[in-house]
Every structure is written in structure tokens, then in C-alpha cells.
Amino acid sequence: MNTYDKVEKSLMQICEDCDYIHTDNCSSRKCNIAFAKEVVNYAEASSALIMQDGERLIPKQDVKYYKEELIADGIANICKLCKECRENHSEECVISLSRRSLENTILKENVEYPGNILMYIMEVSKQNEEFAQMISAAYSAK
């Protein structure tokens, strides 16, 4: 199993649950999930971990409804992938960009990942305690 398989599967589950799959609204310019998939595919194809100014490419206008459980599972997989990475942490890293893109579907403000899942969950809980608990449970189950 390659490094990104679990993240890709999580993202596909979110897509399959979306009413807009295979429509004009399913593009990396309009959809946070499509953007996260594109970033992961970019990383996998190019072996590049940094996408300069990638955060500005995250679709801010995506207001579609996504199931929180699926988003939490996707974030948990991304956080596991982040933990396994041996590079220096950067918010412009493709892993961070895909996490932030998923966060934008539920949270109002960006949350920085400090490199520690417990600290991250504490920061998420300041905005949405129930969602933070979902991420924690999904992460523990991995």
C-alpha cells in the first residue's frame, strides 16, 4: 500500500457521498475535496512535498454540505500521514494543504497543525468540540 492510499480512499468516500460528484462544481477550483485530491495526486506523481503559495489555491467559496464523520476520518488519515513524514513540518506542505482544505468544510478559522495530534485536537475543539472528538476517535481507530 502506498503512502497516500488511506488518504485517497477517505477523499473518495467523501466524493461518493457528495451530490455534486461529476458536475461542474466538482473541480479543484470550486471544491475543497477535489482540491485535496489534486494536491495528494500532485505529491504522489511528482514526489514534491511543498506547494509554494498552495494555501491561496484552496477554494474558499465551497459551502457544500459534507458529513462531519467523513471529513473527520479524512483529517485523521492526513494527520497519520503527517506523523509518518520525516520532513520538516510546513503549512505549505501538500499534507497540510489537504488537511486545511478539509478543515475549511467544517471550521470557520484555519487551525495550524503543531506536529502533535493532541495539541491539534485541542485547537480544533476551541471551534467545534464535537468535531474534534470525531477526529480524535477516527485517529485512535487508525
N, C-alpha and C. Protein backbone atom coordinates (compact mmCIF):
# COMPACT_ATOMS: atom_id res chain seq x y z
N MET A 1 0.85 -1.18 0.00
CA MET A 1 0.00 0.00 0.00
C MET A 1 0.89 1.24 0.00
N ASN A 2 0.62 2.17 -0.93
CA ASN A 2 1.47 3.36 -0.95
C ASN A 2 1.09 4.32 0.16
N THR A 3 1.92 5.30 0.37
CA THR A 3 1.79 6.23 1.48
C THR A 3 0.47 6.98 1.47
N TYR A 4 -0.05 7.29 0.33
CA TYR A 4 -1.23 8.13 0.22
C TYR A 4 -2.54 7.36 0.08
N ASP A 5 -2.51 6.03 0.03
CA ASP A 5 -3.71 5.23 -0.23
C ASP A 5 -4.86 5.51 0.74
N LYS A 6 -4.58 5.55 2.03
CA LYS A 6 -5.66 5.76 3.00
C LYS A 6 -6.28 7.15 2.86
N VAL A 7 -5.45 8.14 2.59
CA VAL A 7 -5.96 9.49 2.38
C VAL A 7 -6.83 9.52 1.13
N GLU A 8 -6.34 8.91 0.05
CA GLU A 8 -7.11 8.89 -1.20
C GLU A 8 -8.45 8.18 -1.01
N LYS A 9 -8.46 7.08 -0.27
CA LYS A 9 -9.72 6.36 -0.02
C LYS A 9 -10.68 7.22 0.80
N SER A 10 -10.17 7.93 1.80
CA SER A 10 -11.02 8.82 2.60
C SER A 10 -11.64 9.91 1.72
N LEU A 11 -10.82 10.49 0.87
CA LEU A 11 -11.32 11.54 -0.01
C LEU A 11 -12.36 11.01 -0.99
N MET A 12 -12.14 9.81 -1.50
CA MET A 12 -13.12 9.21 -2.42
C MET A 12 -14.45 8.94 -1.73
N GLN A 13 -14.41 8.53 -0.46
CA GLN A 13 -15.64 8.30 0.29
C GLN A 13 -16.44 9.60 0.40
N ILE A 14 -15.74 10.70 0.66
CA ILE A 14 -16.41 12.00 0.75
C ILE A 14 -17.03 12.34 -0.60
N CYS A 15 -16.28 12.13 -1.67
CA CYS A 15 -16.79 12.42 -3.02
C CYS A 15 -18.02 11.59 -3.34
N GLU A 16 -17.96 10.32 -3.04
CA GLU A 16 -19.07 9.43 -3.36
C GLU A 16 -20.34 9.81 -2.61
N ASP A 17 -20.20 10.48 -1.47
CA ASP A 17 -21.34 10.91 -0.67
C ASP A 17 -21.87 12.27 -1.13
N CYS A 18 -21.15 12.94 -2.01
CA CYS A 18 -21.48 14.30 -2.42
C CYS A 18 -22.47 14.31 -3.59
N ASP A 19 -23.47 15.17 -3.51
CA ASP A 19 -24.46 15.30 -4.58
C ASP A 19 -23.88 15.93 -5.84
N TYR A 20 -22.73 16.57 -5.72
CA TYR A 20 -22.15 17.31 -6.84
C TYR A 20 -21.05 16.54 -7.58
N ILE A 21 -20.85 15.27 -7.23
CA ILE A 21 -19.81 14.49 -7.90
C ILE A 21 -20.10 14.42 -9.40
N HIS A 22 -19.05 14.58 -10.19
CA HIS A 22 -19.12 14.55 -11.66
C HIS A 22 -19.95 15.69 -12.25
N THR A 23 -19.99 16.83 -11.54
CA THR A 23 -20.65 18.02 -12.08
C THR A 23 -19.62 19.12 -12.21
N ASP A 24 -20.05 20.28 -12.69
CA ASP A 24 -19.14 21.42 -12.81
C ASP A 24 -18.64 21.91 -11.46
N ASN A 25 -19.38 21.63 -10.40
CA ASN A 25 -18.96 22.04 -9.06
C ASN A 25 -17.92 21.10 -8.46
N CYS A 26 -17.58 20.06 -9.18
CA CYS A 26 -16.60 19.07 -8.72
C CYS A 26 -15.27 19.34 -9.44
N SER A 27 -14.67 20.47 -9.10
CA SER A 27 -13.36 20.80 -9.67
C SER A 27 -12.50 21.37 -8.56
N SER A 28 -11.20 21.31 -8.74
CA SER A 28 -10.28 21.75 -7.69
C SER A 28 -10.35 23.26 -7.44
N ARG A 29 -10.99 23.99 -8.34
CA ARG A 29 -11.16 25.44 -8.15
C ARG A 29 -12.41 25.77 -7.36
N LYS A 30 -13.35 24.81 -7.30
CA LYS A 30 -14.63 25.07 -6.64
C LYS A 30 -14.89 24.18 -5.43
N CYS A 31 -14.18 23.09 -5.32
CA CYS A 31 -14.48 22.07 -4.30
C CYS A 31 -13.25 21.78 -3.45
N ASN A 32 -13.42 21.85 -2.13
CA ASN A 32 -12.31 21.56 -1.22
C ASN A 32 -11.83 20.13 -1.33
N ILE A 33 -12.73 19.21 -1.55
CA ILE A 33 -12.35 17.79 -1.62
C ILE A 33 -11.60 17.53 -2.92
N ALA A 34 -12.09 18.07 -4.02
CA ALA A 34 -11.39 17.93 -5.30
C ALA A 34 -10.00 18.56 -5.22
N PHE A 35 -9.89 19.68 -4.52
CA PHE A 35 -8.59 20.32 -4.34
C PHE A 35 -7.66 19.40 -3.55
N ALA A 36 -8.16 18.85 -2.44
CA ALA A 36 -7.33 17.95 -1.63
C ALA A 36 -6.88 16.74 -2.44
N LYS A 37 -7.77 16.18 -3.26
CA LYS A 37 -7.39 15.05 -4.11
C LYS A 37 -6.32 15.45 -5.10
N GLU A 38 -6.45 16.62 -5.70
CA GLU A 38 -5.47 17.09 -6.66
C GLU A 38 -4.10 17.29 -6.01
N VAL A 39 -4.09 17.84 -4.81
CA VAL A 39 -2.83 18.06 -4.10
C VAL A 39 -2.16 16.74 -3.77
N VAL A 40 -2.93 15.77 -3.31
CA VAL A 40 -2.37 14.45 -2.99
C VAL A 40 -1.84 13.78 -4.27
N ASN A 41 -2.60 13.87 -5.36
CA ASN A 41 -2.14 13.30 -6.63
C ASN A 41 -0.87 13.99 -7.12
N TYR A 42 -0.80 15.30 -6.95
CA TYR A 42 0.40 16.06 -7.32
C TYR A 42 1.61 15.56 -6.53
N ALA A 43 1.42 15.39 -5.24
CA ALA A 43 2.52 14.92 -4.38
C ALA A 43 2.96 13.52 -4.78
N GLU A 44 1.99 12.68 -5.04
CA GLU A 44 2.29 11.29 -5.40
C GLU A 44 3.02 11.21 -6.74
N ALA A 45 2.58 12.00 -7.70
CA ALA A 45 3.16 11.95 -9.05
C ALA A 45 4.53 12.61 -9.12
N SER A 46 4.72 13.68 -8.37
CA SER A 46 5.96 14.45 -8.51
C SER A 46 6.94 14.24 -7.36
N SER A 47 6.50 13.58 -6.30
CA SER A 47 7.31 13.41 -5.09
C SER A 47 7.64 14.74 -4.43
N ALA A 48 6.94 15.79 -4.82
CA ALA A 48 7.15 17.11 -4.21
C ALA A 48 6.29 17.21 -2.96
N LEU A 49 6.88 17.72 -1.90
CA LEU A 49 6.13 17.87 -0.66
C LEU A 49 5.67 19.30 -0.41
N ILE A 50 6.26 20.25 -1.08
CA ILE A 50 5.91 21.65 -0.86
C ILE A 50 5.24 22.21 -2.11
N MET A 51 4.15 22.92 -1.90
CA MET A 51 3.47 23.61 -2.99
C MET A 51 3.43 25.08 -2.61
N GLN A 52 4.40 25.84 -3.14
CA GLN A 52 4.50 27.26 -2.82
C GLN A 52 3.18 27.97 -3.07
N ASP A 53 2.76 28.78 -2.11
CA ASP A 53 1.52 29.55 -2.20
C ASP A 53 0.29 28.67 -2.42
N GLY A 54 0.39 27.43 -2.02
CA GLY A 54 -0.72 26.50 -2.21
C GLY A 54 -1.96 26.87 -1.44
N GLU A 55 -1.80 27.52 -0.31
CA GLU A 55 -2.96 27.87 0.50
C GLU A 55 -3.91 28.82 -0.22
N ARG A 56 -3.36 29.68 -1.04
CA ARG A 56 -4.22 30.64 -1.76
C ARG A 56 -5.06 29.93 -2.82
N LEU A 57 -4.71 28.69 -3.16
CA LEU A 57 -5.46 27.93 -4.15
C LEU A 57 -6.64 27.17 -3.56
N ILE A 58 -6.69 27.07 -2.23
CA ILE A 58 -7.79 26.35 -1.58
C ILE A 58 -9.09 27.10 -1.86
N PRO A 59 -10.11 26.39 -2.36
CA PRO A 59 -11.38 27.06 -2.68
C PRO A 59 -12.07 27.58 -1.41
N LYS A 60 -12.21 28.87 -1.31
CA LYS A 60 -12.85 29.48 -0.13
C LYS A 60 -14.36 29.57 -0.30
N GLN A 61 -14.85 29.45 -1.54
CA GLN A 61 -16.27 29.61 -1.80
C GLN A 61 -17.06 28.30 -1.70
N ASP A 62 -16.41 27.20 -1.38
CA ASP A 62 -17.09 25.90 -1.28
C ASP A 62 -17.92 25.87 0.00
N VAL A 63 -19.23 25.90 -0.15
CA VAL A 63 -20.12 25.87 1.01
C VAL A 63 -21.05 24.65 0.98
N LYS A 64 -20.65 23.64 0.21
CA LYS A 64 -21.45 22.42 0.15
C LYS A 64 -21.46 21.73 1.51
N TYR A 65 -22.51 20.94 1.73
CA TYR A 65 -22.61 20.15 2.96
C TYR A 65 -21.81 18.87 2.81
N TYR A 66 -21.00 18.59 3.82
CA TYR A 66 -20.25 17.34 3.88
C TYR A 66 -20.52 16.70 5.24
N LYS A 67 -20.60 15.38 5.27
CA LYS A 67 -20.80 14.68 6.54
C LYS A 67 -19.55 14.86 7.40
N GLU A 68 -19.76 15.35 8.61
CA GLU A 68 -18.64 15.62 9.51
C GLU A 68 -17.83 14.37 9.81
N GLU A 69 -18.49 13.22 9.89
CA GLU A 69 -17.76 11.97 10.20
C GLU A 69 -16.76 11.64 9.09
N LEU A 70 -17.17 11.86 7.84
CA LEU A 70 -16.28 11.58 6.71
C LEU A 70 -15.11 12.56 6.68
N ILE A 71 -15.39 13.82 6.95
CA ILE A 71 -14.33 14.83 6.98
C ILE A 71 -13.37 14.52 8.13
N ALA A 72 -13.91 14.16 9.29
CA ALA A 72 -13.07 13.82 10.45
C ALA A 72 -12.17 12.63 10.13
N ASP A 73 -12.71 11.62 9.46
CA ASP A 73 -11.92 10.46 9.08
C ASP A 73 -10.81 10.85 8.10
N GLY A 74 -11.14 11.70 7.15
CA GLY A 74 -10.13 12.18 6.21
C GLY A 74 -9.02 12.95 6.91
N ILE A 75 -9.38 13.82 7.83
CA ILE A 75 -8.38 14.58 8.58
C ILE A 75 -7.53 13.64 9.43
N ALA A 76 -8.15 12.63 10.04
CA ALA A 76 -7.39 11.67 10.86
C ALA A 76 -6.36 10.94 9.99
N ASN A 77 -6.75 10.53 8.79
CA ASN A 77 -5.80 9.86 7.89
C ASN A 77 -4.67 10.80 7.49
N ILE A 78 -5.01 12.06 7.24
CA ILE A 78 -3.99 13.04 6.87
C ILE A 78 -3.03 13.28 8.04
N CYS A 79 -3.57 13.35 9.25
CA CYS A 79 -2.71 13.55 10.43
C CYS A 79 -1.79 12.34 10.66
N LYS A 80 -2.28 11.15 10.37
CA LYS A 80 -1.43 9.95 10.46
C LYS A 80 -0.30 10.04 9.43
N LEU A 81 -0.65 10.45 8.23
CA LEU A 81 0.35 10.62 7.18
C LEU A 81 1.38 11.66 7.59
N CYS A 82 0.92 12.74 8.17
CA CYS A 82 1.82 13.80 8.65
C CYS A 82 2.78 13.24 9.70
N LYS A 83 2.25 12.43 10.59
CA LYS A 83 3.09 11.84 11.65
C LYS A 83 4.18 10.95 11.07
N GLU A 84 3.88 10.25 9.96
CA GLU A 84 4.83 9.34 9.34
C GLU A 84 5.88 10.06 8.50
N CYS A 85 5.63 11.31 8.18
CA CYS A 85 6.54 12.08 7.33
C CYS A 85 7.82 12.40 8.11
N ARG A 86 8.92 12.33 7.45
CA ARG A 86 10.21 12.59 8.10
C ARG A 86 10.81 13.93 7.69
N GLU A 87 10.02 14.75 7.00
CA GLU A 87 10.49 16.07 6.57
C GLU A 87 10.14 17.10 7.64
N ASN A 88 10.70 18.29 7.51
CA ASN A 88 10.35 19.37 8.41
C ASN A 88 8.92 19.81 8.13
N HIS A 89 8.18 20.10 9.19
CA HIS A 89 6.78 20.49 9.04
C HIS A 89 6.68 21.87 8.41
N SER A 90 5.72 22.02 7.51
CA SER A 90 5.45 23.29 6.85
C SER A 90 3.96 23.36 6.54
N GLU A 91 3.35 24.50 6.73
CA GLU A 91 1.95 24.67 6.38
C GLU A 91 1.75 24.71 4.86
N GLU A 92 2.82 24.82 4.10
CA GLU A 92 2.73 24.77 2.64
C GLU A 92 2.99 23.36 2.10
N CYS A 93 3.16 22.43 3.01
CA CYS A 93 3.34 21.04 2.64
C CYS A 93 2.02 20.52 2.05
N VAL A 94 2.11 19.61 1.10
CA VAL A 94 0.91 19.07 0.47
C VAL A 94 0.00 18.37 1.48
N ILE A 95 0.59 17.77 2.49
CA ILE A 95 -0.20 17.11 3.53
C ILE A 95 -1.00 18.16 4.31
N SER A 96 -0.35 19.25 4.69
CA SER A 96 -1.02 20.33 5.41
C SER A 96 -2.09 21.00 4.56
N LEU A 97 -1.81 21.18 3.28
CA LEU A 97 -2.78 21.80 2.39
C LEU A 97 -4.04 20.95 2.26
N SER A 98 -3.87 19.65 2.15
CA SER A 98 -5.04 18.78 2.04
C SER A 98 -5.83 18.78 3.35
N ARG A 99 -5.14 18.79 4.49
CA ARG A 99 -5.81 18.87 5.79
C ARG A 99 -6.59 20.18 5.92
N ARG A 100 -5.94 21.26 5.58
CA ARG A 100 -6.57 22.57 5.69
C ARG A 100 -7.79 22.68 4.77
N SER A 101 -7.70 22.10 3.61
CA SER A 101 -8.82 22.11 2.68
C SER A 101 -10.03 21.38 3.28
N LEU A 102 -9.79 20.26 3.93
CA LEU A 102 -10.88 19.54 4.60
C LEU A 102 -11.41 20.34 5.79
N GLU A 103 -10.53 20.94 6.56
CA GLU A 103 -10.95 21.75 7.71
C GLU A 103 -11.90 22.86 7.27
N ASN A 104 -11.62 23.46 6.12
CA ASN A 104 -12.43 24.58 5.63
C ASN A 104 -13.88 24.20 5.38
N THR A 105 -14.17 22.91 5.26
CA THR A 105 -15.55 22.49 5.04
C THR A 105 -16.37 22.53 6.32
N ILE A 106 -15.71 22.52 7.47
CA ILE A 106 -16.40 22.46 8.76
C ILE A 106 -16.09 23.66 9.65
N LEU A 107 -14.82 24.04 9.71
CA LEU A 107 -14.38 25.07 10.64
C LEU A 107 -14.37 26.45 10.00
N LYS A 108 -14.61 27.46 10.81
CA LYS A 108 -14.64 28.85 10.30
C LYS A 108 -13.24 29.44 10.17
N GLU A 109 -12.32 29.02 11.02
CA GLU A 109 -10.96 29.56 11.01
C GLU A 109 -9.95 28.44 10.81
N ASN A 110 -8.83 28.79 10.20
CA ASN A 110 -7.76 27.82 9.99
C ASN A 110 -7.15 27.39 11.31
N VAL A 111 -6.73 26.15 11.36
CA VAL A 111 -6.06 25.59 12.54
C VAL A 111 -4.69 25.11 12.10
N GLU A 112 -3.67 25.59 12.74
CA GLU A 112 -2.33 25.11 12.41
C GLU A 112 -2.10 23.78 13.10
N TYR A 113 -1.43 22.90 12.39
CA TYR A 113 -1.08 21.61 12.96
C TYR A 113 0.31 21.74 13.59
N PRO A 114 0.39 21.66 14.92
CA PRO A 114 1.67 21.87 15.59
C PRO A 114 2.61 20.66 15.57
N GLY A 115 2.23 19.61 14.85
CA GLY A 115 3.06 18.41 14.79
C GLY A 115 2.69 17.38 15.84
N ASN A 116 1.67 17.69 16.63
CA ASN A 116 1.21 16.80 17.69
C ASN A 116 -0.30 16.70 17.60
N ILE A 117 -0.83 15.49 17.48
CA ILE A 117 -2.26 15.30 17.29
C ILE A 117 -3.08 15.81 18.48
N LEU A 118 -2.59 15.63 19.69
CA LEU A 118 -3.35 16.09 20.86
C LEU A 118 -3.47 17.61 20.90
N MET A 119 -2.38 18.29 20.60
CA MET A 119 -2.43 19.75 20.57
C MET A 119 -3.33 20.23 19.44
N TYR A 120 -3.29 19.55 18.33
CA TYR A 120 -4.14 19.89 17.20
C TYR A 120 -5.62 19.73 17.58
N ILE A 121 -5.97 18.62 18.19
CA ILE A 121 -7.36 18.37 18.58
C ILE A 121 -7.82 19.41 19.60
N MET A 122 -6.94 19.81 20.48
CA MET A 122 -7.30 20.88 21.44
C MET A 122 -7.62 22.18 20.70
N GLU A 123 -6.85 22.49 19.68
CA GLU A 123 -7.11 23.71 18.89
C GLU A 123 -8.42 23.61 18.12
N VAL A 124 -8.69 22.45 17.54
CA VAL A 124 -9.95 22.25 16.81
C VAL A 124 -11.12 22.37 17.76
N SER A 125 -10.98 21.82 18.98
CA SER A 125 -12.09 21.84 19.94
C SER A 125 -12.47 23.26 20.37
N LYS A 126 -11.56 24.21 20.21
CA LYS A 126 -11.90 25.61 20.52
C LYS A 126 -12.96 26.15 19.56
N GLN A 127 -13.02 25.56 18.37
CA GLN A 127 -14.02 25.97 17.38
C GLN A 127 -15.22 25.03 17.34
N ASN A 128 -14.97 23.74 17.50
CA ASN A 128 -16.04 22.76 17.37
C ASN A 128 -15.64 21.51 18.16
N GLU A 129 -16.12 21.43 19.38
CA GLU A 129 -15.71 20.34 20.27
C GLU A 129 -16.15 18.97 19.77
N GLU A 130 -17.36 18.89 19.25
CA GLU A 130 -17.87 17.61 18.75
C GLU A 130 -17.04 17.12 17.57
N PHE A 131 -16.70 18.02 16.67
CA PHE A 131 -15.88 17.66 15.51
C PHE A 131 -14.49 17.21 15.96
N ALA A 132 -13.92 17.89 16.94
CA ALA A 132 -12.61 17.50 17.48
C ALA A 132 -12.67 16.08 18.04
N GLN A 133 -13.76 15.74 18.71
CA GLN A 133 -13.93 14.40 19.26
C GLN A 133 -14.03 13.35 18.14
N MET A 134 -14.67 13.73 17.04
CA MET A 134 -14.77 12.82 15.89
C MET A 134 -13.38 12.56 15.31
N ILE A 135 -12.58 13.61 15.17
CA ILE A 135 -11.22 13.45 14.65
C ILE A 135 -10.41 12.55 15.58
N SER A 136 -10.52 12.81 16.88
CA SER A 136 -9.78 12.03 17.87
C SER A 136 -10.16 10.55 17.81
N ALA A 137 -11.45 10.27 17.73
CA ALA A 137 -11.91 8.88 17.66
C ALA A 137 -11.45 8.20 16.38
N ALA A 138 -11.53 8.92 15.27
CA ALA A 138 -11.07 8.35 13.99
C ALA A 138 -9.57 8.11 14.01
N TYR A 139 -8.83 9.03 14.57
CA TYR A 139 -7.36 8.90 14.65
C TYR A 139 -6.98 7.70 15.52
N SER A 140 -7.67 7.55 16.65
CA SER A 140 -7.39 6.43 17.57
C SER A 140 -7.70 5.08 16.93
N ALA A 141 -8.67 5.07 16.04
CA ALA A 141 -9.08 3.82 15.38
C ALA A 141 -8.11 3.40 14.26
N LYS A 142 -7.21 4.29 13.87
CA LYS A 142 -6.30 4.02 12.75
C LYS A 142 -5.13 3.16 13.20
